[in-house]
C-alpha cells in the first residue's frame, strides 16, 4: 500500500492556453480598429480608452481586495479587455464621468457580483454600454463627426451630420424617403474604411475583419458564431430587400453599419457567455442576427446588436443543457 493513486477532479487534460494569453490575443486583434479610431478621432480616442481601462482595472482590484477578499485577478488582462470593449461601444464625445460609471457597472455589477471571470452570465462591457444607453440616451446617441468624416461621408447633407448611418436611414425611411433617395448619401467604401459616425470602436469594418482573421489563425475563436450572426442577418435583410427594395436597405448596409462586426467578432464569442457546443453556437448566432434585425427594422432603436447579444447570453445555459454532443460511447 506504499504506492497510492491520488485522483483529482476533472479536467484531467490541460492545454497550453491561459486566460492571460487569450486576452492578450484579443487585445492584439483589436489593435487595427484602435489605430483607425486614433487616426480619425485623435487624442480623444486615446483618452477615452485609457479612462475606461484604468477604471475597470481599478474597480476590479478594489472589489477583489476589499469585498471578495480573494487573490488578485487583474493580471489576467480580462479587466483591460473589458475596458477596451466598453470604450469601443461609446460615442467619442461622452463625458468622462459616464465612462467611469459604465466601467463600475461593467466590472462591479456584471462581473464581480457574480464571482468574477468565468461566472458572469452576461458580457460585462455590453452590460455597461446598455446601462449607459438606457440611463443617458441623449449623451449615448450624440455622435460627434470629425471634419474628415463629415466631408467624406456626408458631404453637404446636414441631415446626416452627427448621426450614424443607421439613425439617418431609419429617420429618413420613417419620414417617407425611399431607399433610392437615400443611397446617394451612403458610401460603402467609406464605411469599410471607418469614415462614418458611430461608437468609435465600431467604425472600422475592414480593421475589425483583420482582427477576426487574426483570432481565427491563433485559434482563439471559431468561425461559427460570427458567420452565423452575419449569415442570418444577410438572409433576413436580403429577403426584406428583395421583396421591397425601396423600403428596406440591402444586406451589405446592415453588415457594415453599427456594431455588427465588433459585436459578432469580439463580444458574442466571449468564452464565458457563449455556448460550448458547435450546434449551440450556430443557434446562438442565428438568434443574435434575427433579434438585431427585428430591433433595427421595427424597434425604437436604430441599432440592436447589443440587446441581441445580451438576450442570447440569457439563453446560453439552456443551449448548453439541451444542445450538446453525445457522451463518449453513447449513441445519439
C-alpha atoms as a PDB file:
ATOM      1  CA  UNK A   1       0.000   0.000   0.000  1.00  0.00           C
ATOM      2  CA  UNK A   2       3.000   2.262  -0.217  1.00  0.00           C
ATOM      3  CA  UNK A   3       2.091   3.348  -3.743  1.00  0.00           C
ATOM      4  CA  UNK A   4      -1.073   5.406  -3.552  1.00  0.00           C
ATOM      5  CA  UNK A   5      -3.015   6.716  -6.510  1.00  0.00           C
ATOM      6  CA  UNK A   6      -4.359  10.207  -5.964  1.00  0.00           C
ATOM      7  CA  UNK A   7      -7.230  11.076  -8.293  1.00  0.00           C
ATOM      8  CA  UNK A   8      -8.043  14.751  -8.737  1.00  0.00           C
ATOM      9  CA  UNK A   9     -11.290  16.249 -10.032  1.00  0.00           C
ATOM     10  CA  UNK A  10     -11.655  16.988 -13.743  1.00  0.00           C
ATOM     11  CA  UNK A  11     -10.372  18.370 -16.016  1.00  0.00           C
ATOM     12  CA  UNK A  12      -7.567  15.857 -16.408  1.00  0.00           C
ATOM     13  CA  UNK A  13      -6.331  17.166 -19.762  1.00  0.00           C
ATOM     14  CA  UNK A  14      -4.709  20.586 -19.819  1.00  0.00           C
ATOM     15  CA  UNK A  15      -3.767  22.782 -22.754  1.00  0.00           C
ATOM     16  CA  UNK A  16      -1.114  25.439 -23.192  1.00  0.00           C
ATOM     17  CA  UNK A  17      -3.612  28.297 -23.381  1.00  0.00           C
ATOM     18  CA  UNK A  18      -4.077  30.516 -20.364  1.00  0.00           C
ATOM     19  CA  UNK A  19      -6.591  33.250 -19.661  1.00  0.00           C
ATOM     20  CA  UNK A  20      -3.951  35.963 -19.922  1.00  0.00           C
ATOM     21  CA  UNK A  21      -2.682  34.570 -23.248  1.00  0.00           C
ATOM     22  CA  UNK A  22      -6.177  34.513 -24.750  1.00  0.00           C
ATOM     23  CA  UNK A  23      -6.932  38.016 -23.512  1.00  0.00           C
ATOM     24  CA  UNK A  24      -3.678  39.323 -24.984  1.00  0.00           C
ATOM     25  CA  UNK A  25      -4.551  37.814 -28.346  1.00  0.00           C
ATOM     26  CA  UNK A  26      -7.958  39.524 -28.335  1.00  0.00           C
ATOM     27  CA  UNK A  27      -6.324  42.832 -27.417  1.00  0.00           C
ATOM     28  CA  UNK A  28      -3.858  42.405 -30.294  1.00  0.00           C
ATOM     29  CA  UNK A  29      -6.756  41.657 -32.645  1.00  0.00           C
ATOM     30  CA  UNK A  30      -8.383  44.936 -31.595  1.00  0.00           C
ATOM     31  CA  UNK A  31      -5.282  46.988 -32.433  1.00  0.00           C
ATOM     32  CA  UNK A  32      -6.164  47.633 -36.127  1.00  0.00           C
ATOM     33  CA  UNK A  33      -9.562  49.028 -35.136  1.00  0.00           C
ATOM     34  CA  UNK A  34      -7.929  51.114 -32.427  1.00  0.00           C
ATOM     35  CA  UNK A  35      -5.451  52.578 -34.907  1.00  0.00           C
ATOM     36  CA  UNK A  36      -8.349  53.583 -37.184  1.00  0.00           C
ATOM     37  CA  UNK A  37     -10.097  55.376 -34.328  1.00  0.00           C
ATOM     38  CA  UNK A  38      -6.940  57.248 -33.346  1.00  0.00           C
ATOM     39  CA  UNK A  39      -6.359  58.338 -36.945  1.00  0.00           C
ATOM     40  CA  UNK A  40      -9.933  59.628 -37.225  1.00  0.00           C
ATOM     41  CA  UNK A  41     -10.573  60.963 -33.721  1.00  0.00           C
ATOM     42  CA  UNK A  42      -7.051  61.711 -32.480  1.00  0.00           C
ATOM     43  CA  UNK A  43      -6.104  62.002 -28.806  1.00  0.00           C
ATOM     44  CA  UNK A  44      -9.736  61.912 -27.742  1.00  0.00           C
ATOM     45  CA  UNK A  45      -9.872  58.190 -28.556  1.00  0.00           C
ATOM     46  CA  UNK A  46      -6.725  57.540 -26.509  1.00  0.00           C
ATOM     47  CA  UNK A  47      -8.085  59.429 -23.505  1.00  0.00           C
ATOM     48  CA  UNK A  48     -11.475  57.739 -23.545  1.00  0.00           C
ATOM     49  CA  UNK A  49      -9.969  54.255 -23.891  1.00  0.00           C
ATOM     50  CA  UNK A  50      -7.385  54.963 -21.209  1.00  0.00           C
ATOM     51  CA  UNK A  51     -10.022  56.132 -18.741  1.00  0.00           C
ATOM     52  CA  UNK A  52     -12.164  53.049 -19.370  1.00  0.00           C
ATOM     53  CA  UNK A  53      -9.230  50.654 -18.976  1.00  0.00           C
ATOM     54  CA  UNK A  54      -7.844  52.269 -15.824  1.00  0.00           C
ATOM     55  CA  UNK A  55     -11.321  52.441 -14.265  1.00  0.00           C
ATOM     56  CA  UNK A  56     -12.085  48.784 -14.998  1.00  0.00           C
ATOM     57  CA  UNK A  57      -8.746  47.588 -13.626  1.00  0.00           C
ATOM     58  CA  UNK A  58      -9.043  49.776 -10.517  1.00  0.00           C
ATOM     59  CA  UNK A  59     -12.615  48.696  -9.742  1.00  0.00           C
ATOM     60  CA  UNK A  60     -11.739  45.017 -10.142  1.00  0.00           C
ATOM     61  CA  UNK A  61      -8.714  45.391  -7.866  1.00  0.00           C
ATOM     62  CA  UNK A  62     -10.664  47.221  -5.159  1.00  0.00           C
ATOM     63  CA  UNK A  63     -13.638  44.839  -5.241  1.00  0.00           C
ATOM     64  CA  UNK A  64     -11.404  41.777  -5.212  1.00  0.00           C
ATOM     65  CA  UNK A  65      -9.266  43.098  -2.367  1.00  0.00           C
ATOM     66  CA  UNK A  66     -11.827  44.652  -0.039  1.00  0.00           C
ATOM     67  CA  UNK A  67     -15.147  42.941  -0.826  1.00  0.00           C
ATOM     68  CA  UNK A  68     -14.438  39.474  -2.185  1.00  0.00           C
ATOM     69  CA  UNK A  69     -11.102  39.319  -0.309  1.00  0.00           C
ATOM     70  CA  UNK A  70      -9.664  36.923  -2.855  1.00  0.00           C
ATOM     71  CA  UNK A  71      -6.467  36.680  -4.830  1.00  0.00           C
ATOM     72  CA  UNK A  72      -5.553  39.437  -7.277  1.00  0.00           C
ATOM     73  CA  UNK A  73      -7.140  38.850 -10.711  1.00  0.00           C
ATOM     74  CA  UNK A  74      -6.125  41.964 -12.640  1.00  0.00           C
ATOM     75  CA  UNK A  75      -3.070  40.222 -14.097  1.00  0.00           C
ATOM     76  CA  UNK A  76      -5.190  38.075 -16.425  1.00  0.00           C
ATOM     77  CA  UNK A  77      -5.904  41.107 -18.680  1.00  0.00           C
ATOM     78  CA  UNK A  78      -9.666  40.484 -18.617  1.00  0.00           C
ATOM     79  CA  UNK A  79     -10.368  43.824 -16.917  1.00  0.00           C
ATOM     80  CA  UNK A  80      -8.216  45.582 -19.519  1.00  0.00           C
ATOM     81  CA  UNK A  81     -10.164  43.892 -22.318  1.00  0.00           C
ATOM     82  CA  UNK A  82     -13.473  44.866 -20.704  1.00  0.00           C
ATOM     83  CA  UNK A  83     -12.312  48.470 -20.550  1.00  0.00           C
ATOM     84  CA  UNK A  84     -11.272  48.494 -24.211  1.00  0.00           C
ATOM     85  CA  UNK A  85     -14.528  46.910 -25.375  1.00  0.00           C
ATOM     86  CA  UNK A  86     -16.604  49.272 -23.237  1.00  0.00           C
ATOM     87  CA  UNK A  87     -14.770  52.262 -24.710  1.00  0.00           C
ATOM     88  CA  UNK A  88     -15.261  50.903 -28.232  1.00  0.00           C
ATOM     89  CA  UNK A  89     -19.017  50.875 -27.599  1.00  0.00           C
ATOM     90  CA  UNK A  90     -19.231  54.545 -26.595  1.00  0.00           C
ATOM     91  CA  UNK A  91     -19.568  57.758 -28.620  1.00  0.00           C
ATOM     92  CA  UNK A  92     -16.363  59.751 -28.713  1.00  0.00           C
ATOM     93  CA  UNK A  93     -17.903  62.821 -27.063  1.00  0.00           C
ATOM     94  CA  UNK A  94     -19.318  61.117 -23.970  1.00  0.00           C
ATOM     95  CA  UNK A  95     -18.420  62.797 -20.637  1.00  0.00           C
ATOM     96  CA  UNK A  96     -15.542  61.143 -18.779  1.00  0.00           C
ATOM     97  CA  UNK A  97     -17.579  60.578 -15.614  1.00  0.00           C
ATOM     98  CA  UNK A  98     -20.031  58.462 -17.601  1.00  0.00           C
ATOM     99  CA  UNK A  99     -17.150  56.306 -18.804  1.00  0.00           C
ATOM    100  CA  UNK A 100     -16.129  55.735 -15.180  1.00  0.00           C
ATOM    101  CA  UNK A 101     -19.732  54.930 -14.222  1.00  0.00           C
ATOM    102  CA  UNK A 102     -20.040  52.480 -17.110  1.00  0.00           C
ATOM    103  CA  UNK A 103     -16.802  50.817 -16.001  1.00  0.00           C
ATOM    104  CA  UNK A 104     -18.178  50.415 -12.475  1.00  0.00           C
ATOM    105  CA  UNK A 105     -21.331  48.763 -13.803  1.00  0.00           C
ATOM    106  CA  UNK A 106     -19.360  46.509 -16.166  1.00  0.00           C
ATOM    107  CA  UNK A 107     -16.938  45.286 -13.502  1.00  0.00           C
ATOM    108  CA  UNK A 108     -18.839  45.713 -10.249  1.00  0.00           C
ATOM    109  CA  UNK A 109     -22.283  44.520 -11.316  1.00  0.00           C
ATOM    110  CA  UNK A 110     -21.899  42.449 -14.484  1.00  0.00           C
ATOM    111  CA  UNK A 111     -18.699  40.645 -13.488  1.00  0.00           C
ATOM    112  CA  UNK A 112     -17.593  40.738  -9.859  1.00  0.00           C
ATOM    113  CA  UNK A 113     -21.058  40.490  -8.287  1.00  0.00           C
ATOM    114  CA  UNK A 114     -21.310  37.014  -9.843  1.00  0.00           C
ATOM    115  CA  UNK A 115     -17.913  35.977  -8.508  1.00  0.00           C
ATOM    116  CA  UNK A 116     -15.559  37.242 -11.206  1.00  0.00           C
ATOM    117  CA  UNK A 117     -14.349  35.966 -14.560  1.00  0.00           C
ATOM    118  CA  UNK A 118     -15.916  32.674 -15.600  1.00  0.00           C
ATOM    119  CA  UNK A 119     -19.088  33.144 -13.565  1.00  0.00           C
ATOM    120  CA  UNK A 120     -20.716  36.167 -15.207  1.00  0.00           C
ATOM    121  CA  UNK A 121     -23.754  35.251 -17.355  1.00  0.00           C
ATOM    122  CA  UNK A 122     -23.673  38.455 -19.437  1.00  0.00           C
ATOM    123  CA  UNK A 123     -20.898  40.187 -21.337  1.00  0.00           C
ATOM    124  CA  UNK A 124     -19.633  42.858 -18.892  1.00  0.00           C
ATOM    125  CA  UNK A 125     -18.778  45.512 -21.486  1.00  0.00           C
ATOM    126  CA  UNK A 126     -22.213  45.240 -23.098  1.00  0.00           C
ATOM    127  CA  UNK A 127     -23.956  45.477 -19.723  1.00  0.00           C
ATOM    128  CA  UNK A 128     -22.075  48.712 -19.088  1.00  0.00           C
ATOM    129  CA  UNK A 129     -22.931  50.019 -22.536  1.00  0.00           C
ATOM    130  CA  UNK A 130     -26.643  49.198 -22.309  1.00  0.00           C
ATOM    131  CA  UNK A 131     -26.830  50.659 -18.788  1.00  0.00           C
ATOM    132  CA  UNK A 132     -25.435  53.958 -20.080  1.00  0.00           C
ATOM    133  CA  UNK A 133     -27.704  53.873 -23.145  1.00  0.00           C
ATOM    134  CA  UNK A 134     -30.848  53.403 -21.054  1.00  0.00           C
ATOM    135  CA  UNK A 135     -29.756  55.852 -18.343  1.00  0.00           C
ATOM    136  CA  UNK A 136     -28.336  58.604 -20.574  1.00  0.00           C
ATOM    137  CA  UNK A 137     -29.906  58.129 -24.024  1.00  0.00           C
ATOM    138  CA  UNK A 138     -29.137  61.670 -25.187  1.00  0.00           C
ATOM    139  CA  UNK A 139     -25.411  61.554 -24.426  1.00  0.00           C
ATOM    140  CA  UNK A 140     -25.118  57.990 -25.755  1.00  0.00           C
ATOM    141  CA  UNK A 141     -26.658  58.916 -29.100  1.00  0.00           C
ATOM    142  CA  UNK A 142     -24.771  62.162 -29.724  1.00  0.00           C
ATOM    143  CA  UNK A 143     -22.054  61.293 -32.228  1.00  0.00           C
ATOM    144  CA  UNK A 144     -19.511  63.997 -32.996  1.00  0.00           C
ATOM    145  CA  UNK A 145     -18.335  63.546 -36.570  1.00  0.00           C
ATOM    146  CA  UNK A 146     -14.806  64.874 -37.252  1.00  0.00           C
ATOM    147  CA  UNK A 147     -14.371  67.075 -40.310  1.00  0.00           C
ATOM    148  CA  UNK A 148     -12.836  64.272 -42.405  1.00  0.00           C
ATOM    149  CA  UNK A 149     -15.822  62.032 -41.649  1.00  0.00           C
ATOM    150  CA  UNK A 150     -18.367  64.742 -42.256  1.00  0.00           C
ATOM    151  CA  UNK A 151     -16.794  65.854 -45.521  1.00  0.00           C
ATOM    152  CA  UNK A 152     -16.115  62.373 -46.922  1.00  0.00           C
ATOM    153  CA  UNK A 153     -19.290  60.568 -45.940  1.00  0.00           C
ATOM    154  CA  UNK A 154     -21.904  63.241 -45.542  1.00  0.00           C
ATOM    155  CA  UNK A 155     -20.859  65.989 -47.932  1.00  0.00           C
ATOM    156  CA  UNK A 156     -23.392  68.787 -47.713  1.00  0.00           C
ATOM    157  CA  UNK A 157     -26.166  66.656 -46.229  1.00  0.00           C
ATOM    158  CA  UNK A 158     -26.996  68.381 -42.961  1.00  0.00           C
ATOM    159  CA  UNK A 159     -29.448  65.625 -42.012  1.00  0.00           C
ATOM    160  CA  UNK A 160     -26.561  63.182 -41.584  1.00  0.00           C
ATOM    161  CA  UNK A 161     -24.274  65.490 -39.634  1.00  0.00           C
ATOM    162  CA  UNK A 162     -23.706  63.887 -36.230  1.00  0.00           C
ATOM    163  CA  UNK A 163     -25.956  60.917 -36.981  1.00  0.00           C
ATOM    164  CA  UNK A 164     -24.899  57.333 -37.591  1.00  0.00           C
ATOM    165  CA  UNK A 165     -25.821  55.846 -40.982  1.00  0.00           C
ATOM    166  CA  UNK A 166     -28.324  53.595 -39.198  1.00  0.00           C
ATOM    167  CA  UNK A 167     -30.022  56.517 -37.457  1.00  0.00           C
ATOM    168  CA  UNK A 168     -30.045  58.598 -40.634  1.00  0.00           C
ATOM    169  CA  UNK A 169     -31.611  55.813 -42.709  1.00  0.00           C
ATOM    170  CA  UNK A 170     -34.175  54.898 -40.059  1.00  0.00           C
ATOM    171  CA  UNK A 171     -35.270  58.522 -39.709  1.00  0.00           C
ATOM    172  CA  UNK A 172     -35.338  59.078 -43.487  1.00  0.00           C
ATOM    173  CA  UNK A 173     -37.475  55.989 -44.118  1.00  0.00           C
ATOM    174  CA  UNK A 174     -39.790  56.980 -41.295  1.00  0.00           C
ATOM    175  CA  UNK A 175     -40.277  60.389 -42.933  1.00  0.00           C
ATOM    176  CA  UNK A 176     -41.266  58.884 -46.266  1.00  0.00           C
ATOM    177  CA  UNK A 177     -37.983  58.806 -48.176  1.00  0.00           C
ATOM    178  CA  UNK A 178     -37.261  55.829 -50.401  1.00  0.00           C
ATOM    179  CA  UNK A 179     -34.051  53.821 -50.487  1.00  0.00           C
ATOM    180  CA  UNK A 180     -33.165  55.214 -53.924  1.00  0.00           C
ATOM    181  CA  UNK A 181     -33.349  58.734 -52.475  1.00  0.00           C
ATOM    182  CA  UNK A 182     -31.148  57.748 -49.528  1.00  0.00           C
ATOM    183  CA  UNK A 183     -28.421  55.855 -51.380  1.00  0.00           C
ATOM    184  CA  UNK A 184     -26.621  58.908 -52.886  1.00  0.00           C
ATOM    185  CA  UNK A 185     -25.685  59.851 -49.304  1.00  0.00           C
ATOM    186  CA  UNK A 186     -24.330  56.381 -48.465  1.00  0.00           C
ATOM    187  CA  UNK A 187     -20.775  55.247 -49.264  1.00  0.00           C
ATOM    188  CA  UNK A 188     -19.969  51.593 -48.606  1.00  0.00           C
ATOM    189  CA  UNK A 189     -16.277  52.219 -49.284  1.00  0.00           C
ATOM    190  CA  UNK A 190     -16.102  54.841 -46.554  1.00  0.00           C
ATOM    191  CA  UNK A 191     -17.979  52.576 -44.163  1.00  0.00           C
ATOM    192  CA  UNK A 192     -15.488  49.800 -44.816  1.00  0.00           C
ATOM    193  CA  UNK A 193     -12.564  52.123 -44.092  1.00  0.00           C
ATOM    194  CA  UNK A 194     -14.086  53.651 -40.955  1.00  0.00           C
ATOM    195  CA  UNK A 195     -15.158  57.045 -42.286  1.00  0.00           C
ATOM    196  CA  UNK A 196     -18.548  57.172 -40.572  1.00  0.00           C
ATOM    197  CA  UNK A 197     -20.135  58.232 -37.295  1.00  0.00           C
ATOM    198  CA  UNK A 198     -20.878  55.781 -34.537  1.00  0.00           C
ATOM    199  CA  UNK A 199     -19.414  54.326 -31.388  1.00  0.00           C
ATOM    200  CA  UNK A 200     -15.764  54.937 -32.083  1.00  0.00           C
ATOM    201  CA  UNK A 201     -14.562  51.330 -31.939  1.00  0.00           C
ATOM    202  CA  UNK A 202     -17.158  50.006 -34.371  1.00  0.00           C
ATOM    203  CA  UNK A 203     -16.437  52.310 -37.284  1.00  0.00           C
ATOM    204  CA  UNK A 204     -13.548  50.481 -38.970  1.00  0.00           C
ATOM    205  CA  UNK A 205     -15.169  47.456 -40.608  1.00  0.00           C
ATOM    206  CA  UNK A 206     -12.048  46.376 -42.502  1.00  0.00           C
ATOM    207  CA  UNK A 207      -9.894  46.714 -39.377  1.00  0.00           C
ATOM    208  CA  UNK A 208     -12.335  44.565 -37.399  1.00  0.00           C
ATOM    209  CA  UNK A 209     -12.251  41.911 -40.132  1.00  0.00           C
ATOM    210  CA  UNK A 210      -8.447  41.861 -39.910  1.00  0.00           C
ATOM    211  CA  UNK A 211      -8.815  41.217 -36.189  1.00  0.00           C
ATOM    212  CA  UNK A 212     -11.230  38.374 -36.943  1.00  0.00           C
ATOM    213  CA  UNK A 213      -8.677  36.731 -39.241  1.00  0.00           C
ATOM    214  CA  UNK A 214      -6.012  37.028 -36.538  1.00  0.00           C
ATOM    215  CA  UNK A 215      -8.250  35.373 -33.939  1.00  0.00           C
ATOM    216  CA  UNK A 216      -9.035  32.530 -36.347  1.00  0.00           C
ATOM    217  CA  UNK A 217      -5.358  31.967 -37.150  1.00  0.00           C
ATOM    218  CA  UNK A 218      -4.491  31.971 -33.457  1.00  0.00           C
ATOM    219  CA  UNK A 219      -7.443  29.627 -32.806  1.00  0.00           C
ATOM    220  CA  UNK A 220      -8.781  31.918 -30.100  1.00  0.00           C
ATOM    221  CA  UNK A 221     -12.290  31.695 -31.565  1.00  0.00           C
ATOM    222  CA  UNK A 222     -14.018  29.589 -34.202  1.00  0.00           C
ATOM    223  CA  UNK A 223     -15.921  30.875 -37.212  1.00  0.00           C
ATOM    224  CA  UNK A 224     -19.328  29.583 -36.117  1.00  0.00           C
ATOM    225  CA  UNK A 225     -20.742  32.484 -34.082  1.00  0.00           C
ATOM    226  CA  UNK A 226     -19.583  35.426 -36.253  1.00  0.00           C
ATOM    227  CA  UNK A 227     -20.552  33.774 -39.527  1.00  0.00           C
ATOM    228  CA  UNK A 228     -23.971  32.655 -38.299  1.00  0.00           C
ATOM    229  CA  UNK A 229     -24.688  36.152 -36.977  1.00  0.00           C
ATOM    230  CA  UNK A 230     -23.688  37.765 -40.260  1.00  0.00           C
ATOM    231  CA  UNK A 231     -25.296  34.987 -42.316  1.00  0.00           C
ATOM    232  CA  UNK A 232     -28.663  35.176 -40.561  1.00  0.00           C
ATOM    233  CA  UNK A 233     -28.676  38.963 -40.873  1.00  0.00           C
ATOM    234  CA  UNK A 234     -27.816  38.674 -44.563  1.00  0.00           C
ATOM    235  CA  UNK A 235     -30.653  36.229 -45.249  1.00  0.00           C
ATOM    236  CA  UNK A 236     -33.196  38.216 -43.216  1.00  0.00           C
ATOM    237  CA  UNK A 237     -32.365  41.619 -44.686  1.00  0.00           C
ATOM    238  CA  UNK A 238     -31.857  40.103 -48.137  1.00  0.00           C
ATOM    239  CA  UNK A 239     -35.417  38.755 -48.115  1.00  0.00           C
ATOM    240  CA  UNK A 240     -36.821  42.121 -46.998  1.00  0.00           C
ATOM    241  CA  UNK A 241     -34.789  43.977 -49.620  1.00  0.00           C
ATOM    242  CA  UNK A 242     -35.772  41.520 -52.367  1.00  0.00           C
ATOM    243  CA  UNK A 243     -39.492  41.969 -51.759  1.00  0.00           C
ATOM    244  CA  UNK A 244     -39.392  45.744 -51.189  1.00  0.00           C
ATOM    245  CA  UNK A 245     -36.072  47.359 -52.216  1.00  0.00           C
ATOM    246  CA  UNK A 246     -37.471  50.883 -51.824  1.00  0.00           C
ATOM    247  CA  UNK A 247     -38.376  50.368 -48.166  1.00  0.00           C
ATOM    248  CA  UNK A 248     -35.572  48.163 -46.832  1.00  0.00           C
ATOM    249  CA  UNK A 249     -31.793  48.550 -47.069  1.00  0.00           C
ATOM    250  CA  UNK A 250     -29.682  45.787 -48.598  1.00  0.00           C
ATOM    251  CA  UNK A 251     -27.674  43.276 -46.514  1.00  0.00           C
ATOM    252  CA  UNK A 252     -24.301  44.961 -47.137  1.00  0.00           C
ATOM    253  CA  UNK A 253     -25.530  48.149 -45.482  1.00  0.00           C
ATOM    254  CA  UNK A 254     -26.634  46.268 -42.370  1.00  0.00           C
ATOM    255  CA  UNK A 255     -23.356  44.384 -42.046  1.00  0.00           C
ATOM    256  CA  UNK A 256     -21.104  47.441 -42.461  1.00  0.00           C
ATOM    257  CA  UNK A 257     -23.065  49.762 -40.187  1.00  0.00           C
ATOM    258  CA  UNK A 258     -23.469  49.813 -36.438  1.00  0.00           C
ATOM    259  CA  UNK A 259     -21.729  47.404 -34.125  1.00  0.00           C
ATOM    260  CA  UNK A 260     -22.384  44.166 -36.005  1.00  0.00           C
ATOM    261  CA  UNK A 261     -18.769  43.259 -36.710  1.00  0.00           C
ATOM    262  CA  UNK A 262     -17.492  44.440 -33.334  1.00  0.00           C
ATOM    263  CA  UNK A 263     -20.227  42.528 -31.530  1.00  0.00           C
ATOM    264  CA  UNK A 264     -20.112  39.384 -33.656  1.00  0.00           C
ATOM    265  CA  UNK A 265     -16.323  39.006 -33.557  1.00  0.00           C
ATOM    266  CA  UNK A 266     -15.287  40.304 -30.147  1.00  0.00           C
ATOM    267  CA  UNK A 267     -18.272  40.121 -27.778  1.00  0.00           C
ATOM    268  CA  UNK A 268     -20.653  37.402 -28.895  1.00  0.00           C
ATOM    269  CA  UNK A 269     -17.684  35.000 -28.953  1.00  0.00           C
ATOM    270  CA  UNK A 270     -16.836  35.580 -25.287  1.00  0.00           C
ATOM    271  CA  UNK A 271     -15.998  32.138 -23.860  1.00  0.00           C
ATOM    272  CA  UNK A 272     -17.934  32.652 -20.632  1.00  0.00           C
ATOM    273  CA  UNK A 273     -21.195  33.899 -22.114  1.00  0.00           C
ATOM    274  CA  UNK A 274     -21.394  31.866 -25.347  1.00  0.00           C
ATOM    275  CA  UNK A 275     -22.389  28.206 -25.896  1.00  0.00           C
ATOM    276  CA  UNK A 276     -19.864  25.394 -25.635  1.00  0.00           C
ATOM    277  CA  UNK A 277     -21.065  23.166 -28.493  1.00  0.00           C
ATOM    278  CA  UNK A 278     -20.840  23.928 -32.209  1.00  0.00           C
ATOM    279  CA  UNK A 279     -24.585  23.454 -32.720  1.00  0.00           C
ATOM    280  CA  UNK A 280     -25.263  25.689 -29.758  1.00  0.00           C
ATOM    281  CA  UNK A 281     -23.026  28.365 -31.270  1.00  0.00           C
ATOM    282  CA  UNK A 282     -24.957  28.184 -34.545  1.00  0.00           C
ATOM    283  CA  UNK A 283     -28.330  28.613 -32.829  1.00  0.00           C
ATOM    284  CA  UNK A 284     -26.875  31.369 -30.671  1.00  0.00           C
ATOM    285  CA  UNK A 285     -25.532  33.198 -33.740  1.00  0.00           C
ATOM    286  CA  UNK A 286     -28.816  32.936 -35.638  1.00  0.00           C
ATOM    287  CA  UNK A 287     -30.699  34.242 -32.609  1.00  0.00           C
ATOM    288  CA  UNK A 288     -28.429  37.277 -32.340  1.00  0.00           C
ATOM    289  CA  UNK A 289     -28.718  38.026 -36.058  1.00  0.00           C
ATOM    290  CA  UNK A 290     -32.506  37.764 -36.159  1.00  0.00           C
ATOM    291  CA  UNK A 291     -33.076  39.811 -32.996  1.00  0.00           C
ATOM    292  CA  UNK A 292     -30.699  42.506 -34.248  1.00  0.00           C
ATOM    293  CA  UNK A 293     -32.674  42.975 -37.465  1.00  0.00           C
ATOM    294  CA  UNK A 294     -36.029  42.857 -35.665  1.00  0.00           C
ATOM    295  CA  UNK A 295     -34.890  45.758 -33.484  1.00  0.00           C
ATOM    296  CA  UNK A 296     -33.296  47.678 -36.341  1.00  0.00           C
ATOM    297  CA  UNK A 297     -36.241  47.431 -38.710  1.00  0.00           C
ATOM    298  CA  UNK A 298     -39.248  47.538 -36.372  1.00  0.00           C
ATOM    299  CA  UNK A 299     -37.864  48.605 -32.985  1.00  0.00           C
ATOM    300  CA  UNK A 300     -37.454  52.061 -31.471  1.00  0.00           C
ATOM    301  CA  UNK A 301     -33.647  51.960 -31.598  1.00  0.00           C
ATOM    302  CA  UNK A 302     -31.743  52.123 -34.902  1.00  0.00           C
ATOM    303  CA  UNK A 303     -29.234  49.570 -33.553  1.00  0.00           C
ATOM    304  CA  UNK A 304     -29.918  46.245 -31.860  1.00  0.00           C
ATOM    305  CA  UNK A 305     -26.744  44.142 -31.686  1.00  0.00           C
ATOM    306  CA  UNK A 306     -26.028  44.907 -28.000  1.00  0.00           C
ATOM    307  CA  UNK A 307     -29.536  43.972 -26.894  1.00  0.00           C
ATOM    308  CA  UNK A 308     -29.480  40.874 -29.094  1.00  0.00           C
ATOM    309  CA  UNK A 309     -26.231  39.566 -27.606  1.00  0.00           C
ATOM    310  CA  UNK A 310     -27.417  40.116 -24.034  1.00  0.00           C
ATOM    311  CA  UNK A 311     -30.747  38.398 -24.753  1.00  0.00           C
ATOM    312  CA  UNK A 312     -28.963  35.396 -26.236  1.00  0.00           C
ATOM    313  CA  UNK A 313     -26.484  35.394 -23.326  1.00  0.00           C
ATOM    314  CA  UNK A 314     -29.503  34.584 -21.163  1.00  0.00           C
ATOM    315  CA  UNK A 315     -30.356  31.644 -23.442  1.00  0.00           C
ATOM    316  CA  UNK A 316     -26.860  30.129 -23.277  1.00  0.00           C
ATOM    317  CA  UNK A 317     -27.490  27.945 -20.171  1.00  0.00           C
ATOM    318  CA  UNK A 318     -30.441  26.329 -21.963  1.00  0.00           C
ATOM    319  CA  UNK A 319     -28.359  25.760 -25.092  1.00  0.00           C
ATOM    320  CA  UNK A 320     -25.553  24.225 -23.042  1.00  0.00           C
ATOM    321  CA  UNK A 321     -28.015  21.889 -21.350  1.00  0.00           C
ATOM    322  CA  UNK A 322     -30.043  20.694 -24.332  1.00  0.00           C
ATOM    323  CA  UNK A 323     -27.742  21.236 -27.323  1.00  0.00           C
ATOM    324  CA  UNK A 324     -24.600  19.252 -26.644  1.00  0.00           C
ATOM    325  CA  UNK A 325     -22.686  16.405 -28.262  1.00  0.00           C
ATOM    326  CA  UNK A 326     -23.377  12.824 -27.234  1.00  0.00           C
ATOM    327  CA  UNK A 327     -21.208  11.466 -24.432  1.00  0.00           C
ATOM    328  CA  UNK A 328     -18.370   9.179 -25.393  1.00  0.00           C
ATOM    329  CA  UNK A 329     -19.710   5.672 -26.001  1.00  0.00           C
ATOM    330  CA  UNK A 330     -23.359   6.781 -26.076  1.00  0.00           C
ATOM    331  CA  UNK A 331     -25.177   6.781 -29.406  1.00  0.00           C
ATOM    332  CA  UNK A 332     -27.478   9.696 -30.266  1.00  0.00           C
END
